[in-house]
Amino acid sequence: MTRRLGKNDRWLLLILAVICIGICIFFYLQRGEAGAVAKVTIAGEVYGTYTLTQDQTIEIKIDGKVTNILKIQDGTADVTKASCPDHLCVHQKSISRENETIVCLPNQVVIEIEGAKASALDSMT
């Protein structure tokens, strides 16, 4: 015996579809703007800030040894090589929007995209 969808079932499916579409639109609109610089920190200390408008390759060194290689190309930043055992930072996607990050935990390297202007609000506000 096959059961058909009733009128209430159709309304429920329609409402759920509208909610799902609304959530997708909300997250799409929350994406940050294109960033201007990539800030590299090692163990919480700023290592360097590099513009995304200039193609370059940065060797990130800790104690004189190259631990990570950051490649900035076409407005995106990407870790292409790392000395860590798991290479998770190498497998992360390229980043180009504000507040996106690439993290290499074994080497304590964090690469974060920031905008050109500093925000008047801080994390405590």
N, C-alpha and C. Protein backbone atom coordinates (compact mmCIF):
# COMPACT_ATOMS: atom_id res chain seq x y z
N MET A 1 0.84 -1.17 0.00
CA MET A 1 0.00 0.00 0.00
C MET A 1 0.89 1.24 0.00
N THR A 2 0.73 2.06 -1.01
CA THR A 2 1.53 3.27 -1.17
C THR A 2 0.79 4.46 -0.57
N ARG A 3 1.52 5.23 0.24
CA ARG A 3 0.91 6.41 0.86
C ARG A 3 1.32 7.65 0.09
N ARG A 4 0.38 8.47 -0.27
CA ARG A 4 0.64 9.71 -0.99
C ARG A 4 0.92 10.83 -0.01
N LEU A 5 1.60 11.85 -0.53
CA LEU A 5 1.83 13.03 0.29
C LEU A 5 0.55 13.84 0.39
N GLY A 6 0.20 14.16 1.61
CA GLY A 6 -0.99 14.97 1.83
C GLY A 6 -0.67 16.45 1.72
N LYS A 7 -1.69 17.25 1.87
CA LYS A 7 -1.55 18.71 1.76
C LYS A 7 -0.60 19.24 2.83
N ASN A 8 -0.72 18.76 4.05
CA ASN A 8 0.15 19.21 5.14
C ASN A 8 1.60 18.78 4.92
N ASP A 9 1.80 17.60 4.35
CA ASP A 9 3.16 17.14 4.05
C ASP A 9 3.84 18.04 3.03
N ARG A 10 3.10 18.46 2.04
CA ARG A 10 3.65 19.35 1.02
C ARG A 10 4.02 20.71 1.62
N TRP A 11 3.15 21.22 2.49
CA TRP A 11 3.45 22.49 3.15
C TRP A 11 4.71 22.38 4.01
N LEU A 12 4.85 21.29 4.72
CA LEU A 12 6.03 21.06 5.56
C LEU A 12 7.30 21.02 4.70
N LEU A 13 7.26 20.31 3.60
CA LEU A 13 8.42 20.25 2.70
C LEU A 13 8.76 21.62 2.12
N LEU A 14 7.73 22.39 1.78
CA LEU A 14 7.95 23.73 1.25
C LEU A 14 8.60 24.64 2.29
N ILE A 15 8.11 24.58 3.51
CA ILE A 15 8.67 25.40 4.59
C ILE A 15 10.12 25.00 4.87
N LEU A 16 10.41 23.72 4.90
CA LEU A 16 11.78 23.26 5.12
C LEU A 16 12.71 23.70 3.99
N ALA A 17 12.23 23.66 2.76
CA ALA A 17 13.04 24.10 1.62
C ALA A 17 13.33 25.60 1.71
N VAL A 18 12.34 26.39 2.09
CA VAL A 18 12.55 27.84 2.23
C VAL A 18 13.56 28.12 3.35
N ILE A 19 13.47 27.40 4.46
CA ILE A 19 14.42 27.59 5.56
C ILE A 19 15.83 27.23 5.11
N CYS A 20 15.99 26.14 4.40
CA CYS A 20 17.32 25.73 3.92
C CYS A 20 17.90 26.75 2.95
N ILE A 21 17.09 27.24 2.06
CA ILE A 21 17.56 28.26 1.11
C ILE A 21 17.94 29.54 1.85
N GLY A 22 17.15 29.91 2.85
CA GLY A 22 17.46 31.10 3.65
C GLY A 22 18.78 30.96 4.39
N ILE A 23 19.05 29.79 4.95
CA ILE A 23 20.32 29.56 5.65
C ILE A 23 21.49 29.64 4.68
N CYS A 24 21.34 29.07 3.49
CA CYS A 24 22.40 29.13 2.48
C CYS A 24 22.69 30.57 2.06
N ILE A 25 21.65 31.35 1.85
CA ILE A 25 21.82 32.76 1.47
C ILE A 25 22.50 33.53 2.60
N PHE A 26 22.12 33.27 3.85
CA PHE A 26 22.73 33.94 5.00
C PHE A 26 24.23 33.68 5.05
N PHE A 27 24.65 32.43 4.92
CA PHE A 27 26.08 32.11 4.99
C PHE A 27 26.83 32.65 3.77
N TYR A 28 26.19 32.67 2.62
CA TYR A 28 26.84 33.23 1.44
C TYR A 28 27.10 34.72 1.61
N LEU A 29 26.15 35.44 2.18
CA LEU A 29 26.30 36.87 2.37
C LEU A 29 27.28 37.21 3.50
N GLN A 30 27.57 36.27 4.39
CA GLN A 30 28.47 36.51 5.51
C GLN A 30 29.94 36.35 5.13
N ARG A 31 30.21 35.95 3.90
CA ARG A 31 31.61 35.82 3.48
C ARG A 31 32.28 37.17 3.59
N GLY A 32 33.55 37.15 4.00
CA GLY A 32 34.29 38.40 4.14
C GLY A 32 34.67 38.99 2.81
N GLU A 33 35.10 40.22 2.86
CA GLU A 33 35.56 40.89 1.66
C GLU A 33 36.95 40.38 1.30
N ALA A 34 37.36 40.67 0.09
CA ALA A 34 38.70 40.28 -0.34
C ALA A 34 39.72 40.96 0.55
N GLY A 35 40.71 40.21 1.00
CA GLY A 35 41.71 40.74 1.90
C GLY A 35 42.81 41.48 1.15
N ALA A 36 43.62 42.21 1.90
CA ALA A 36 44.70 43.00 1.31
C ALA A 36 46.07 42.44 1.66
N VAL A 37 46.20 41.86 2.87
CA VAL A 37 47.51 41.37 3.31
C VAL A 37 47.37 40.02 3.99
N ALA A 38 48.47 39.27 3.97
CA ALA A 38 48.56 38.02 4.70
C ALA A 38 49.52 38.25 5.86
N LYS A 39 49.02 38.06 7.08
CA LYS A 39 49.85 38.24 8.27
C LYS A 39 50.29 36.87 8.76
N VAL A 40 51.60 36.69 8.89
CA VAL A 40 52.16 35.42 9.35
C VAL A 40 52.62 35.58 10.79
N THR A 41 52.15 34.69 11.67
CA THR A 41 52.60 34.69 13.05
C THR A 41 53.18 33.34 13.39
N ILE A 42 54.21 33.36 14.23
CA ILE A 42 54.82 32.13 14.72
C ILE A 42 54.77 32.18 16.24
N ALA A 43 54.09 31.24 16.84
CA ALA A 43 53.92 31.16 18.29
C ALA A 43 53.38 32.48 18.85
N GLY A 44 52.48 33.11 18.13
CA GLY A 44 51.85 34.34 18.58
C GLY A 44 52.61 35.61 18.26
N GLU A 45 53.84 35.51 17.79
CA GLU A 45 54.65 36.66 17.43
C GLU A 45 54.52 36.92 15.93
N VAL A 46 54.35 38.17 15.54
CA VAL A 46 54.21 38.51 14.13
C VAL A 46 55.55 38.28 13.43
N TYR A 47 55.54 37.44 12.41
CA TYR A 47 56.73 37.14 11.61
C TYR A 47 56.84 38.10 10.44
N GLY A 48 55.70 38.42 9.83
CA GLY A 48 55.71 39.34 8.70
C GLY A 48 54.32 39.56 8.15
N THR A 49 54.16 40.65 7.42
CA THR A 49 52.91 40.98 6.76
C THR A 49 53.21 41.20 5.28
N TYR A 50 52.48 40.49 4.41
CA TYR A 50 52.79 40.49 2.99
C TYR A 50 51.54 40.84 2.19
N THR A 51 51.71 41.71 1.21
CA THR A 51 50.59 42.14 0.39
C THR A 51 50.16 41.02 -0.55
N LEU A 52 48.87 40.94 -0.80
CA LEU A 52 48.33 39.93 -1.71
C LEU A 52 48.35 40.38 -3.17
N THR A 53 48.68 41.64 -3.39
CA THR A 53 48.68 42.16 -4.77
C THR A 53 49.97 41.84 -5.51
N GLN A 54 51.00 41.45 -4.80
CA GLN A 54 52.30 41.15 -5.41
C GLN A 54 52.58 39.65 -5.30
N ASP A 55 52.81 38.99 -6.45
CA ASP A 55 53.14 37.57 -6.43
C ASP A 55 54.52 37.39 -5.81
N GLN A 56 54.60 36.48 -4.83
CA GLN A 56 55.88 36.25 -4.15
C GLN A 56 55.86 34.90 -3.44
N THR A 57 57.04 34.42 -3.12
CA THR A 57 57.21 33.19 -2.35
C THR A 57 57.99 33.53 -1.10
N ILE A 58 57.43 33.20 0.05
CA ILE A 58 58.04 33.52 1.33
C ILE A 58 58.47 32.24 2.02
N GLU A 59 59.74 32.19 2.40
CA GLU A 59 60.24 31.07 3.19
C GLU A 59 60.10 31.44 4.65
N ILE A 60 59.31 30.69 5.39
CA ILE A 60 59.11 30.94 6.81
C ILE A 60 60.14 30.11 7.56
N LYS A 61 61.02 30.82 8.28
CA LYS A 61 62.13 30.15 8.96
C LYS A 61 61.95 30.23 10.47
N ILE A 62 62.23 29.11 11.12
CA ILE A 62 62.25 29.04 12.58
C ILE A 62 63.62 28.49 12.96
N ASP A 63 64.36 29.25 13.77
CA ASP A 63 65.72 28.88 14.19
C ASP A 63 66.62 28.61 12.99
N GLY A 64 66.48 29.40 11.94
CA GLY A 64 67.34 29.29 10.77
C GLY A 64 66.95 28.20 9.78
N LYS A 65 65.95 27.41 10.10
CA LYS A 65 65.51 26.34 9.21
C LYS A 65 64.18 26.72 8.57
N VAL A 66 64.04 26.45 7.27
CA VAL A 66 62.78 26.72 6.57
C VAL A 66 61.77 25.67 6.99
N THR A 67 60.67 26.13 7.60
CA THR A 67 59.65 25.20 8.05
C THR A 67 58.43 25.18 7.13
N ASN A 68 58.09 26.33 6.57
CA ASN A 68 56.94 26.43 5.67
C ASN A 68 57.29 27.36 4.52
N ILE A 69 56.67 27.10 3.38
CA ILE A 69 56.82 28.00 2.23
C ILE A 69 55.42 28.51 1.87
N LEU A 70 55.28 29.83 1.94
CA LEU A 70 54.02 30.50 1.62
C LEU A 70 54.14 31.10 0.24
N LYS A 71 53.18 30.75 -0.63
CA LYS A 71 53.18 31.28 -1.99
C LYS A 71 51.97 32.20 -2.15
N ILE A 72 52.24 33.44 -2.52
CA ILE A 72 51.18 34.40 -2.80
C ILE A 72 51.14 34.60 -4.30
N GLN A 73 49.99 34.28 -4.88
CA GLN A 73 49.84 34.37 -6.33
C GLN A 73 48.39 34.68 -6.67
N ASP A 74 48.19 35.63 -7.57
CA ASP A 74 46.85 36.01 -8.05
C ASP A 74 45.90 36.39 -6.91
N GLY A 75 46.42 37.04 -5.88
CA GLY A 75 45.59 37.51 -4.79
C GLY A 75 45.22 36.46 -3.76
N THR A 76 45.85 35.29 -3.81
CA THR A 76 45.58 34.24 -2.84
C THR A 76 46.88 33.81 -2.17
N ALA A 77 46.76 33.29 -0.96
CA ALA A 77 47.90 32.79 -0.21
C ALA A 77 47.73 31.29 0.01
N ASP A 78 48.81 30.54 -0.15
CA ASP A 78 48.75 29.09 -0.04
C ASP A 78 50.08 28.57 0.50
N VAL A 79 50.02 27.59 1.39
CA VAL A 79 51.23 26.94 1.87
C VAL A 79 51.53 25.79 0.92
N THR A 80 52.70 25.83 0.29
CA THR A 80 53.04 24.81 -0.70
C THR A 80 53.94 23.72 -0.15
N LYS A 81 54.74 24.03 0.87
CA LYS A 81 55.61 23.02 1.49
C LYS A 81 55.67 23.26 2.98
N ALA A 82 55.84 22.17 3.73
CA ALA A 82 55.95 22.27 5.18
C ALA A 82 56.81 21.14 5.71
N SER A 83 57.49 21.41 6.82
CA SER A 83 58.34 20.39 7.43
C SER A 83 57.60 19.55 8.47
N CYS A 84 56.34 19.86 8.71
CA CYS A 84 55.57 19.12 9.71
C CYS A 84 55.24 17.71 9.20
N PRO A 85 55.01 16.77 10.11
CA PRO A 85 54.79 15.38 9.68
C PRO A 85 53.45 15.13 8.99
N ASP A 86 52.40 15.89 9.32
CA ASP A 86 51.08 15.59 8.76
C ASP A 86 50.73 16.37 7.49
N HIS A 87 51.39 17.49 7.24
CA HIS A 87 51.18 18.32 6.03
C HIS A 87 49.73 18.77 5.86
N LEU A 88 49.00 18.93 6.96
CA LEU A 88 47.62 19.40 6.85
C LEU A 88 47.55 20.83 6.33
N CYS A 89 48.54 21.63 6.67
CA CYS A 89 48.53 23.03 6.20
C CYS A 89 48.72 23.10 4.69
N VAL A 90 49.42 22.15 4.12
CA VAL A 90 49.63 22.12 2.67
C VAL A 90 48.34 21.73 1.96
N HIS A 91 47.53 20.91 2.60
CA HIS A 91 46.30 20.43 1.97
C HIS A 91 45.12 21.38 2.14
N GLN A 92 45.27 22.45 2.94
CA GLN A 92 44.21 23.43 3.08
C GLN A 92 44.11 24.25 1.81
N LYS A 93 42.92 24.77 1.54
CA LYS A 93 42.71 25.55 0.31
C LYS A 93 43.41 26.90 0.41
N SER A 94 43.61 27.51 -0.74
CA SER A 94 44.17 28.85 -0.79
C SER A 94 43.20 29.82 -0.13
N ILE A 95 43.74 30.85 0.50
CA ILE A 95 42.89 31.81 1.19
C ILE A 95 43.07 33.19 0.57
N SER A 96 41.97 33.97 0.55
CA SER A 96 42.04 35.31 -0.03
C SER A 96 41.06 36.29 0.61
N ARG A 97 40.17 35.83 1.46
CA ARG A 97 39.16 36.69 2.06
C ARG A 97 39.52 36.98 3.53
N GLU A 98 39.04 38.13 4.01
CA GLU A 98 39.33 38.53 5.39
C GLU A 98 38.96 37.44 6.38
N ASN A 99 39.80 37.27 7.39
CA ASN A 99 39.62 36.33 8.51
C ASN A 99 39.77 34.86 8.12
N GLU A 100 40.15 34.55 6.90
CA GLU A 100 40.47 33.16 6.57
C GLU A 100 41.88 32.87 7.08
N THR A 101 42.11 31.63 7.50
CA THR A 101 43.41 31.27 8.05
C THR A 101 43.90 29.93 7.53
N ILE A 102 45.21 29.78 7.55
CA ILE A 102 45.87 28.50 7.37
C ILE A 102 46.72 28.31 8.61
N VAL A 103 46.61 27.14 9.25
CA VAL A 103 47.31 26.89 10.50
C VAL A 103 48.18 25.66 10.36
N CYS A 104 49.43 25.78 10.81
CA CYS A 104 50.34 24.64 10.91
C CYS A 104 50.66 24.47 12.39
N LEU A 105 49.96 23.58 13.07
CA LEU A 105 50.11 23.43 14.52
C LEU A 105 51.50 22.94 14.94
N PRO A 106 52.08 21.93 14.28
CA PRO A 106 53.40 21.48 14.72
C PRO A 106 54.45 22.58 14.68
N ASN A 107 54.39 23.45 13.69
CA ASN A 107 55.36 24.54 13.57
C ASN A 107 54.87 25.82 14.23
N GLN A 108 53.65 25.84 14.74
CA GLN A 108 53.02 26.99 15.38
C GLN A 108 52.95 28.20 14.45
N VAL A 109 52.68 27.94 13.17
CA VAL A 109 52.58 28.99 12.15
C VAL A 109 51.11 29.23 11.83
N VAL A 110 50.70 30.50 11.85
CA VAL A 110 49.35 30.89 11.49
C VAL A 110 49.43 31.97 10.42
N ILE A 111 48.71 31.75 9.32
CA ILE A 111 48.65 32.74 8.25
C ILE A 111 47.19 33.20 8.19
N GLU A 112 47.00 34.51 8.36
CA GLU A 112 45.65 35.07 8.40
C GLU A 112 45.55 36.22 7.41
N ILE A 113 44.42 36.26 6.71
CA ILE A 113 44.18 37.34 5.76
C ILE A 113 43.49 38.49 6.50
N GLU A 114 44.01 39.69 6.29
CA GLU A 114 43.44 40.89 6.90
C GLU A 114 43.12 41.90 5.83
N GLY A 115 42.19 42.80 6.14
CA GLY A 115 41.83 43.86 5.21
C GLY A 115 42.82 45.00 5.26
N ALA A 116 42.63 45.94 4.37
CA ALA A 116 43.54 47.09 4.30
C ALA A 116 43.36 48.02 5.48
N LYS A 117 42.14 48.15 5.96
CA LYS A 117 41.91 49.05 7.08
C LYS A 117 41.63 48.24 8.34
N ALA A 118 42.11 48.77 9.46
CA ALA A 118 41.90 48.10 10.73
C ALA A 118 40.49 48.40 11.21
N SER A 119 39.87 47.44 11.82
CA SER A 119 38.52 47.60 12.33
C SER A 119 38.55 48.41 13.63
N ALA A 120 37.54 49.21 13.86
CA ALA A 120 37.45 49.98 15.09
C ALA A 120 37.01 49.09 16.25
N LEU A 121 36.46 47.93 15.97
CA LEU A 121 36.02 47.00 17.01
C LEU A 121 37.08 45.96 17.24
N ASP A 122 37.24 45.57 18.48
CA ASP A 122 38.15 44.47 18.78
C ASP A 122 37.36 43.26 19.24
N SER A 123 38.05 42.21 19.60
CA SER A 123 37.36 40.98 19.96
C SER A 123 36.59 41.09 21.27
N MET A 124 36.89 42.09 22.07
CA MET A 124 36.21 42.25 23.36
C MET A 124 34.93 43.08 23.25
N THR A 125 34.76 43.80 22.17
CA THR A 125 33.62 44.70 22.05
C THR A 125 32.33 43.94 21.87
